[in-house]
């Protein structure tokens, strides 16, 4: 059974086909009204204070969900269309690129340590959970949690 999570309110749900009833309309969030939910292969419980960002197949930000402003100090409108690494000001240890791995191989990366540079100039240690999109559009979901 496919599991879904709303990038905006982090509500989890499951659905047989990811569609609203008999229509071909994509499943949206029934709690907050966000336009779509992100499909996961299995259920995921984000850590406290997690910030969700949804990206396209080129790692460009499509939507910044709940907690992103609090985590980064950046507004969503300044992030849309930018590479997620740059938009969230993320730096991974040893020059690793787990985002590239997720996009290229379609595998999730869990509990990846990173440093986030807050807009106020503060460096924060964070942990990233990265999930590939399982639809034809590709892309990924990036969940960033304080370490």
N, C-alpha and C. Protein backbone atom coordinates (compact mmCIF):
# COMPACT_ATOMS: atom_id res chain seq x y z
N UNK A 1 0.85 -1.17 0.00
CA UNK A 1 0.00 0.00 0.00
C UNK A 1 0.90 1.23 0.00
N UNK A 2 0.68 2.17 -0.91
CA UNK A 2 1.49 3.38 -0.96
C UNK A 2 1.18 4.33 0.21
N UNK A 3 2.21 4.87 0.76
CA UNK A 3 2.08 5.87 1.82
C UNK A 3 2.36 7.24 1.23
N UNK A 4 1.70 8.24 1.77
CA UNK A 4 1.87 9.61 1.31
C UNK A 4 2.12 10.51 2.51
N UNK A 5 2.83 11.61 2.28
CA UNK A 5 3.04 12.60 3.32
C UNK A 5 2.86 13.98 2.69
N UNK A 6 2.21 14.86 3.42
CA UNK A 6 2.01 16.22 2.94
C UNK A 6 3.26 17.03 3.27
N UNK A 7 3.91 17.65 2.28
CA UNK A 7 5.10 18.47 2.55
C UNK A 7 4.78 19.71 3.37
N UNK A 8 3.53 20.12 3.40
CA UNK A 8 3.16 21.34 4.11
C UNK A 8 2.85 21.09 5.59
N UNK A 9 1.95 20.16 5.87
CA UNK A 9 1.56 19.94 7.28
C UNK A 9 2.12 18.64 7.85
N UNK A 10 2.76 17.83 7.06
CA UNK A 10 3.40 16.57 7.44
C UNK A 10 2.40 15.49 7.84
N UNK A 11 1.15 15.64 7.42
CA UNK A 11 0.13 14.61 7.67
C UNK A 11 0.46 13.41 6.81
N UNK A 12 0.39 12.22 7.39
CA UNK A 12 0.63 10.99 6.66
C UNK A 12 -0.70 10.34 6.30
N UNK A 13 -0.73 9.67 5.15
CA UNK A 13 -1.94 8.97 4.72
C UNK A 13 -1.53 7.84 3.79
N UNK A 14 -2.50 7.03 3.41
CA UNK A 14 -2.24 6.01 2.39
C UNK A 14 -3.44 5.96 1.47
N UNK A 15 -3.19 5.49 0.24
CA UNK A 15 -4.21 5.47 -0.78
C UNK A 15 -3.82 4.38 -1.78
N UNK A 16 -4.82 3.76 -2.37
CA UNK A 16 -4.56 2.67 -3.33
C UNK A 16 -3.82 3.14 -4.57
N UNK A 17 -4.26 4.27 -5.16
CA UNK A 17 -3.70 4.67 -6.45
C UNK A 17 -3.20 6.11 -6.49
N UNK A 18 -3.29 6.84 -5.40
CA UNK A 18 -2.81 8.22 -5.39
C UNK A 18 -3.72 9.18 -6.11
N UNK A 19 -4.98 8.82 -6.30
CA UNK A 19 -5.94 9.66 -7.01
C UNK A 19 -7.16 9.91 -6.13
N UNK A 20 -7.84 11.00 -6.39
CA UNK A 20 -9.07 11.33 -5.67
C UNK A 20 -10.23 10.56 -6.28
N UNK A 21 -10.70 9.55 -5.61
CA UNK A 21 -11.86 8.80 -6.06
C UNK A 21 -11.68 8.21 -7.44
N UNK A 22 -12.65 8.43 -8.31
CA UNK A 22 -12.61 7.87 -9.66
C UNK A 22 -11.99 8.82 -10.67
N UNK A 23 -11.65 10.02 -10.24
CA UNK A 23 -11.07 10.99 -11.16
C UNK A 23 -9.57 10.75 -11.31
N UNK A 24 -8.96 11.46 -12.22
CA UNK A 24 -7.52 11.36 -12.41
C UNK A 24 -6.80 12.51 -11.73
N UNK A 25 -7.52 13.22 -10.87
CA UNK A 25 -6.91 14.34 -10.13
C UNK A 25 -5.95 13.79 -9.08
N UNK A 26 -4.76 14.38 -9.00
CA UNK A 26 -3.78 13.95 -8.01
C UNK A 26 -4.31 14.17 -6.61
N UNK A 27 -3.90 13.31 -5.73
CA UNK A 27 -4.30 13.37 -4.34
C UNK A 27 -3.72 14.61 -3.68
N UNK A 28 -4.56 15.40 -3.03
CA UNK A 28 -4.13 16.57 -2.27
C UNK A 28 -4.29 16.29 -0.79
N UNK A 29 -3.82 17.19 0.05
CA UNK A 29 -3.90 17.01 1.49
C UNK A 29 -5.31 17.35 1.97
N UNK A 30 -5.91 16.43 2.69
CA UNK A 30 -7.26 16.65 3.20
C UNK A 30 -7.26 17.49 4.47
N UNK A 31 -6.11 17.64 5.12
CA UNK A 31 -6.04 18.44 6.35
C UNK A 31 -5.81 19.92 6.07
N UNK A 32 -4.76 20.24 5.31
CA UNK A 32 -4.39 21.65 5.12
C UNK A 32 -4.75 22.19 3.74
N UNK A 33 -5.15 21.32 2.80
CA UNK A 33 -5.53 21.77 1.47
C UNK A 33 -4.36 21.95 0.51
N UNK A 34 -3.13 21.59 0.91
CA UNK A 34 -1.98 21.69 0.02
C UNK A 34 -2.27 20.91 -1.25
N UNK A 35 -1.77 21.36 -2.38
CA UNK A 35 -2.14 20.84 -3.70
C UNK A 35 -1.74 19.41 -4.00
N UNK A 36 -0.76 18.86 -3.32
CA UNK A 36 -0.36 17.48 -3.58
C UNK A 36 0.28 16.89 -2.34
N UNK A 37 0.34 15.57 -2.32
CA UNK A 37 1.06 14.86 -1.28
C UNK A 37 2.16 14.06 -1.96
N UNK A 38 3.21 13.74 -1.21
CA UNK A 38 4.38 13.08 -1.76
C UNK A 38 4.32 11.59 -1.42
N UNK A 39 4.47 10.74 -2.43
CA UNK A 39 4.40 9.29 -2.21
C UNK A 39 5.72 8.74 -1.69
N UNK A 40 5.61 7.90 -0.67
CA UNK A 40 6.75 7.18 -0.10
C UNK A 40 6.50 5.69 -0.25
N UNK A 41 7.55 4.88 -0.27
CA UNK A 41 7.36 3.44 -0.36
C UNK A 41 6.88 2.86 0.97
N UNK A 42 7.28 3.49 2.07
CA UNK A 42 6.85 3.04 3.38
C UNK A 42 6.60 4.26 4.25
N UNK A 43 5.94 4.07 5.35
CA UNK A 43 5.59 5.19 6.21
C UNK A 43 6.85 5.82 6.78
N UNK A 44 6.78 7.11 7.02
CA UNK A 44 7.92 7.89 7.52
C UNK A 44 7.42 8.83 8.60
N UNK A 45 8.10 8.85 9.71
CA UNK A 45 7.75 9.73 10.81
C UNK A 45 8.86 10.76 10.97
N UNK A 46 8.64 12.00 10.54
CA UNK A 46 9.70 13.01 10.62
C UNK A 46 10.00 13.37 12.07
N UNK A 47 11.25 13.78 12.31
CA UNK A 47 11.64 14.22 13.63
C UNK A 47 11.02 15.57 13.97
N UNK A 48 11.07 15.91 15.25
CA UNK A 48 10.53 17.19 15.71
C UNK A 48 11.27 18.34 15.03
N UNK A 49 10.52 19.31 14.54
CA UNK A 49 11.13 20.48 13.91
C UNK A 49 11.57 20.25 12.48
N UNK A 50 11.16 19.14 11.85
CA UNK A 50 11.58 18.85 10.48
C UNK A 50 11.00 19.87 9.51
N UNK A 51 11.80 20.20 8.50
CA UNK A 51 11.39 21.11 7.43
C UNK A 51 11.41 20.33 6.12
N UNK A 52 10.32 20.42 5.33
CA UNK A 52 10.19 19.66 4.09
C UNK A 52 10.31 20.58 2.88
N UNK A 53 11.07 20.11 1.90
CA UNK A 53 11.20 20.81 0.63
C UNK A 53 11.01 19.79 -0.49
N UNK A 54 10.19 20.13 -1.48
CA UNK A 54 9.94 19.26 -2.63
C UNK A 54 10.68 19.83 -3.83
N UNK A 55 11.36 18.94 -4.57
CA UNK A 55 12.20 19.37 -5.70
C UNK A 55 11.82 18.60 -6.96
N UNK A 56 12.20 19.17 -8.10
CA UNK A 56 11.98 18.50 -9.38
C UNK A 56 13.16 17.57 -9.66
N UNK A 57 13.18 16.99 -10.85
CA UNK A 57 14.22 16.01 -11.20
C UNK A 57 15.61 16.63 -11.33
N UNK A 58 15.70 17.96 -11.36
CA UNK A 58 16.99 18.64 -11.41
C UNK A 58 17.36 19.26 -10.07
N UNK A 59 16.69 18.84 -9.00
CA UNK A 59 16.92 19.30 -7.62
C UNK A 59 16.55 20.77 -7.42
N UNK A 60 15.70 21.32 -8.29
CA UNK A 60 15.22 22.69 -8.11
C UNK A 60 13.98 22.67 -7.21
N UNK A 61 13.90 23.62 -6.30
CA UNK A 61 12.81 23.69 -5.34
C UNK A 61 11.49 23.99 -6.04
N UNK A 62 10.49 23.13 -5.79
CA UNK A 62 9.13 23.34 -6.28
C UNK A 62 8.24 23.92 -5.18
N UNK A 63 8.46 23.47 -3.94
CA UNK A 63 7.65 23.92 -2.81
C UNK A 63 8.44 23.76 -1.53
N UNK A 64 8.34 24.77 -0.68
CA UNK A 64 8.95 24.72 0.64
C UNK A 64 7.80 24.58 1.64
N UNK A 65 7.79 23.49 2.37
CA UNK A 65 6.68 23.20 3.25
C UNK A 65 6.87 23.72 4.66
N UNK A 66 6.10 23.15 5.54
CA UNK A 66 6.08 23.51 6.96
C UNK A 66 7.49 23.46 7.57
N UNK A 67 7.86 24.48 8.27
CA UNK A 67 9.11 24.49 9.01
C UNK A 67 10.32 25.01 8.27
N UNK A 68 10.21 25.26 6.97
CA UNK A 68 11.39 25.69 6.21
C UNK A 68 11.84 27.08 6.63
N UNK A 69 10.92 28.01 6.78
CA UNK A 69 11.31 29.36 7.20
C UNK A 69 11.95 29.33 8.58
N UNK A 70 11.36 28.58 9.49
CA UNK A 70 11.92 28.49 10.84
C UNK A 70 13.32 27.87 10.84
N UNK A 71 13.52 26.90 9.99
CA UNK A 71 14.81 26.21 9.93
C UNK A 71 15.88 27.05 9.24
N UNK A 72 15.51 27.77 8.17
CA UNK A 72 16.51 28.43 7.33
C UNK A 72 16.53 29.95 7.42
N UNK A 73 15.40 30.53 7.83
CA UNK A 73 15.27 31.99 7.81
C UNK A 73 15.01 32.53 6.42
N UNK A 74 14.67 31.65 5.48
CA UNK A 74 14.44 32.06 4.10
C UNK A 74 12.97 31.86 3.72
N UNK A 75 12.43 32.80 2.94
CA UNK A 75 11.06 32.73 2.46
C UNK A 75 10.98 31.81 1.24
N UNK A 76 9.82 31.18 1.08
CA UNK A 76 9.62 30.25 -0.03
C UNK A 76 9.81 30.91 -1.39
N UNK A 77 9.31 32.12 -1.57
CA UNK A 77 9.39 32.75 -2.89
C UNK A 77 10.83 32.99 -3.34
N UNK A 78 11.76 33.11 -2.42
CA UNK A 78 13.17 33.26 -2.78
C UNK A 78 13.87 31.93 -3.03
N UNK A 79 13.17 30.83 -2.78
CA UNK A 79 13.76 29.50 -2.95
C UNK A 79 13.28 28.80 -4.23
N UNK A 80 12.08 29.11 -4.66
CA UNK A 80 11.47 28.42 -5.81
C UNK A 80 12.37 28.54 -7.04
N UNK A 81 12.63 27.40 -7.68
CA UNK A 81 13.43 27.37 -8.90
C UNK A 81 14.93 27.28 -8.68
N UNK A 82 15.37 27.43 -7.45
CA UNK A 82 16.81 27.33 -7.15
C UNK A 82 17.17 25.90 -6.76
N UNK A 83 18.41 25.54 -6.96
CA UNK A 83 18.90 24.23 -6.52
C UNK A 83 18.71 24.13 -5.02
N UNK A 84 18.21 23.00 -4.55
CA UNK A 84 17.88 22.84 -3.13
C UNK A 84 19.11 22.98 -2.23
N UNK A 85 20.26 22.57 -2.72
CA UNK A 85 21.48 22.70 -1.91
C UNK A 85 21.78 24.17 -1.62
N UNK A 86 21.59 24.99 -2.66
CA UNK A 86 21.82 26.43 -2.56
C UNK A 86 20.67 27.11 -1.79
N UNK A 87 19.44 26.74 -2.10
CA UNK A 87 18.28 27.36 -1.47
C UNK A 87 18.25 27.13 0.04
N UNK A 88 18.62 25.92 0.48
CA UNK A 88 18.66 25.62 1.90
C UNK A 88 20.03 25.90 2.51
N UNK A 89 20.99 26.25 1.67
CA UNK A 89 22.38 26.49 2.10
C UNK A 89 22.90 25.28 2.87
N UNK A 90 22.79 24.10 2.23
CA UNK A 90 23.24 22.84 2.82
C UNK A 90 24.65 22.50 2.36
N UNK A 91 25.44 22.00 3.28
CA UNK A 91 26.77 21.50 2.95
C UNK A 91 26.91 20.12 3.59
N UNK A 92 27.24 19.13 2.76
CA UNK A 92 27.40 17.77 3.24
C UNK A 92 28.88 17.49 3.49
N UNK A 93 29.17 16.62 4.43
CA UNK A 93 30.54 16.30 4.82
C UNK A 93 31.30 15.67 3.66
N UNK A 94 32.57 15.95 3.61
CA UNK A 94 33.50 15.34 2.64
C UNK A 94 33.08 15.52 1.19
N UNK A 95 32.34 16.58 0.89
CA UNK A 95 31.94 16.84 -0.49
C UNK A 95 30.94 15.84 -1.04
N UNK A 96 30.31 15.06 -0.17
CA UNK A 96 29.32 14.06 -0.61
C UNK A 96 28.13 14.77 -1.26
N UNK A 97 27.43 14.05 -2.14
CA UNK A 97 26.24 14.59 -2.78
C UNK A 97 25.11 13.58 -2.71
N UNK A 98 24.52 13.41 -1.51
CA UNK A 98 23.43 12.44 -1.39
C UNK A 98 22.20 12.82 -2.23
N UNK A 99 22.02 14.10 -2.50
CA UNK A 99 20.89 14.53 -3.34
C UNK A 99 21.08 13.99 -4.76
N UNK A 100 22.28 14.10 -5.28
CA UNK A 100 22.58 13.54 -6.60
C UNK A 100 22.39 12.04 -6.64
N UNK A 101 22.77 11.36 -5.56
CA UNK A 101 22.60 9.90 -5.48
C UNK A 101 21.12 9.53 -5.52
N UNK A 102 20.29 10.24 -4.78
CA UNK A 102 18.86 9.97 -4.75
C UNK A 102 18.26 10.17 -6.14
N UNK A 103 18.63 11.26 -6.80
CA UNK A 103 18.07 11.53 -8.13
C UNK A 103 18.57 10.54 -9.17
N UNK A 104 19.83 10.17 -9.12
CA UNK A 104 20.39 9.27 -10.13
C UNK A 104 19.95 7.83 -9.94
N UNK A 105 19.94 7.36 -8.70
CA UNK A 105 19.70 5.95 -8.44
C UNK A 105 18.29 5.64 -7.94
N UNK A 106 17.51 6.65 -7.57
CA UNK A 106 16.16 6.41 -7.09
C UNK A 106 16.09 5.69 -5.76
N UNK A 107 17.10 5.90 -4.93
CA UNK A 107 17.15 5.29 -3.60
C UNK A 107 17.07 6.38 -2.55
N UNK A 108 16.51 6.07 -1.41
CA UNK A 108 16.45 7.06 -0.35
C UNK A 108 17.76 7.08 0.43
N UNK A 109 18.04 8.20 1.01
CA UNK A 109 19.21 8.38 1.86
C UNK A 109 18.68 8.87 3.20
N UNK A 110 18.99 8.18 4.27
CA UNK A 110 18.43 8.51 5.57
C UNK A 110 19.53 8.95 6.54
N UNK A 111 19.17 9.90 7.39
CA UNK A 111 20.03 10.38 8.47
C UNK A 111 21.42 10.81 7.98
N UNK A 112 21.42 11.61 6.92
CA UNK A 112 22.66 12.11 6.34
C UNK A 112 23.04 13.40 7.09
N UNK A 113 24.20 13.43 7.75
CA UNK A 113 24.60 14.65 8.46
C UNK A 113 24.99 15.76 7.49
N UNK A 114 24.64 16.98 7.85
CA UNK A 114 24.97 18.14 7.02
C UNK A 114 25.05 19.38 7.90
N UNK A 115 25.49 20.46 7.29
CA UNK A 115 25.49 21.77 7.94
C UNK A 115 24.60 22.68 7.13
N UNK A 116 23.71 23.39 7.83
CA UNK A 116 22.82 24.34 7.20
C UNK A 116 23.25 25.73 7.62
N UNK A 117 23.34 26.63 6.66
CA UNK A 117 23.71 28.02 6.95
C UNK A 117 22.44 28.86 6.98
N UNK A 118 22.03 29.25 8.19
CA UNK A 118 20.82 30.05 8.38
C UNK A 118 21.02 31.42 7.76
N UNK A 119 19.95 32.04 7.31
CA UNK A 119 20.01 33.37 6.69
C UNK A 119 20.61 34.41 7.64
N UNK A 120 20.53 34.17 8.95
CA UNK A 120 21.09 35.10 9.93
C UNK A 120 22.60 34.90 10.13
N UNK A 121 23.19 33.96 9.36
CA UNK A 121 24.63 33.74 9.44
C UNK A 121 25.05 32.65 10.42
N UNK A 122 24.10 31.95 10.99
CA UNK A 122 24.39 30.90 11.95
C UNK A 122 24.52 29.57 11.23
N UNK A 123 25.52 28.77 11.59
CA UNK A 123 25.65 27.42 11.07
C UNK A 123 24.97 26.46 12.03
N UNK A 124 24.14 25.57 11.47
CA UNK A 124 23.41 24.61 12.28
C UNK A 124 23.74 23.19 11.81
N UNK A 125 24.06 22.29 12.74
CA UNK A 125 24.17 20.88 12.34
C UNK A 125 22.75 20.33 12.15
N UNK A 126 22.54 19.64 11.04
CA UNK A 126 21.23 19.06 10.71
C UNK A 126 21.41 17.63 10.22
N UNK A 127 20.29 16.95 10.13
CA UNK A 127 20.24 15.60 9.57
C UNK A 127 19.22 15.64 8.44
N UNK A 128 19.58 15.08 7.28
CA UNK A 128 18.69 15.09 6.12
C UNK A 128 18.20 13.68 5.80
N UNK A 129 16.91 13.57 5.53
CA UNK A 129 16.31 12.36 4.99
C UNK A 129 15.85 12.72 3.59
N UNK A 130 16.27 11.95 2.60
CA UNK A 130 16.02 12.27 1.20
C UNK A 130 15.28 11.12 0.54
N UNK A 131 14.17 11.46 -0.14
CA UNK A 131 13.32 10.45 -0.75
C UNK A 131 13.12 10.75 -2.23
N UNK A 132 13.31 9.74 -3.11
CA UNK A 132 13.03 9.97 -4.54
C UNK A 132 11.54 9.98 -4.79
N UNK A 133 11.13 10.69 -5.84
CA UNK A 133 9.73 10.67 -6.27
C UNK A 133 9.50 9.39 -7.06
N UNK A 134 8.34 8.79 -6.85
CA UNK A 134 8.03 7.54 -7.54
C UNK A 134 7.01 7.73 -8.65
N UNK A 135 6.93 8.96 -9.17
CA UNK A 135 6.04 9.21 -10.30
C UNK A 135 6.88 9.47 -11.53
N UNK A 136 6.24 9.72 -12.66
CA UNK A 136 6.96 9.92 -13.91
C UNK A 136 7.73 11.23 -13.96
N UNK A 137 7.40 12.17 -13.07
CA UNK A 137 8.07 13.47 -13.06
C UNK A 137 9.44 13.43 -12.41
N UNK A 138 9.71 12.42 -11.60
CA UNK A 138 10.98 12.36 -10.88
C UNK A 138 10.99 13.37 -9.76
N UNK A 139 12.16 13.70 -9.27
CA UNK A 139 12.28 14.66 -8.20
C UNK A 139 12.57 14.01 -6.87
N UNK A 140 12.45 14.81 -5.81
CA UNK A 140 12.72 14.29 -4.48
C UNK A 140 12.09 15.14 -3.40
N UNK A 141 12.00 14.54 -2.22
CA UNK A 141 11.55 15.22 -1.01
C UNK A 141 12.75 15.28 -0.09
N UNK A 142 13.04 16.48 0.43
CA UNK A 142 14.16 16.66 1.36
C UNK A 142 13.57 17.06 2.71
N UNK A 143 13.82 16.24 3.72
CA UNK A 143 13.39 16.53 5.09
C UNK A 143 14.65 16.86 5.89
N UNK A 144 14.69 18.06 6.45
CA UNK A 144 15.86 18.51 7.22
C UNK A 144 15.41 18.67 8.67
N UNK A 145 16.15 18.02 9.58
CA UNK A 145 15.82 18.03 11.00
C UNK A 145 17.03 18.53 11.78
N UNK A 146 16.82 19.33 12.82
CA UNK A 146 17.95 19.74 13.66
C UNK A 146 18.64 18.53 14.25
N UNK A 147 19.97 18.56 14.29
CA UNK A 147 20.73 17.43 14.83
C UNK A 147 20.73 17.47 16.34
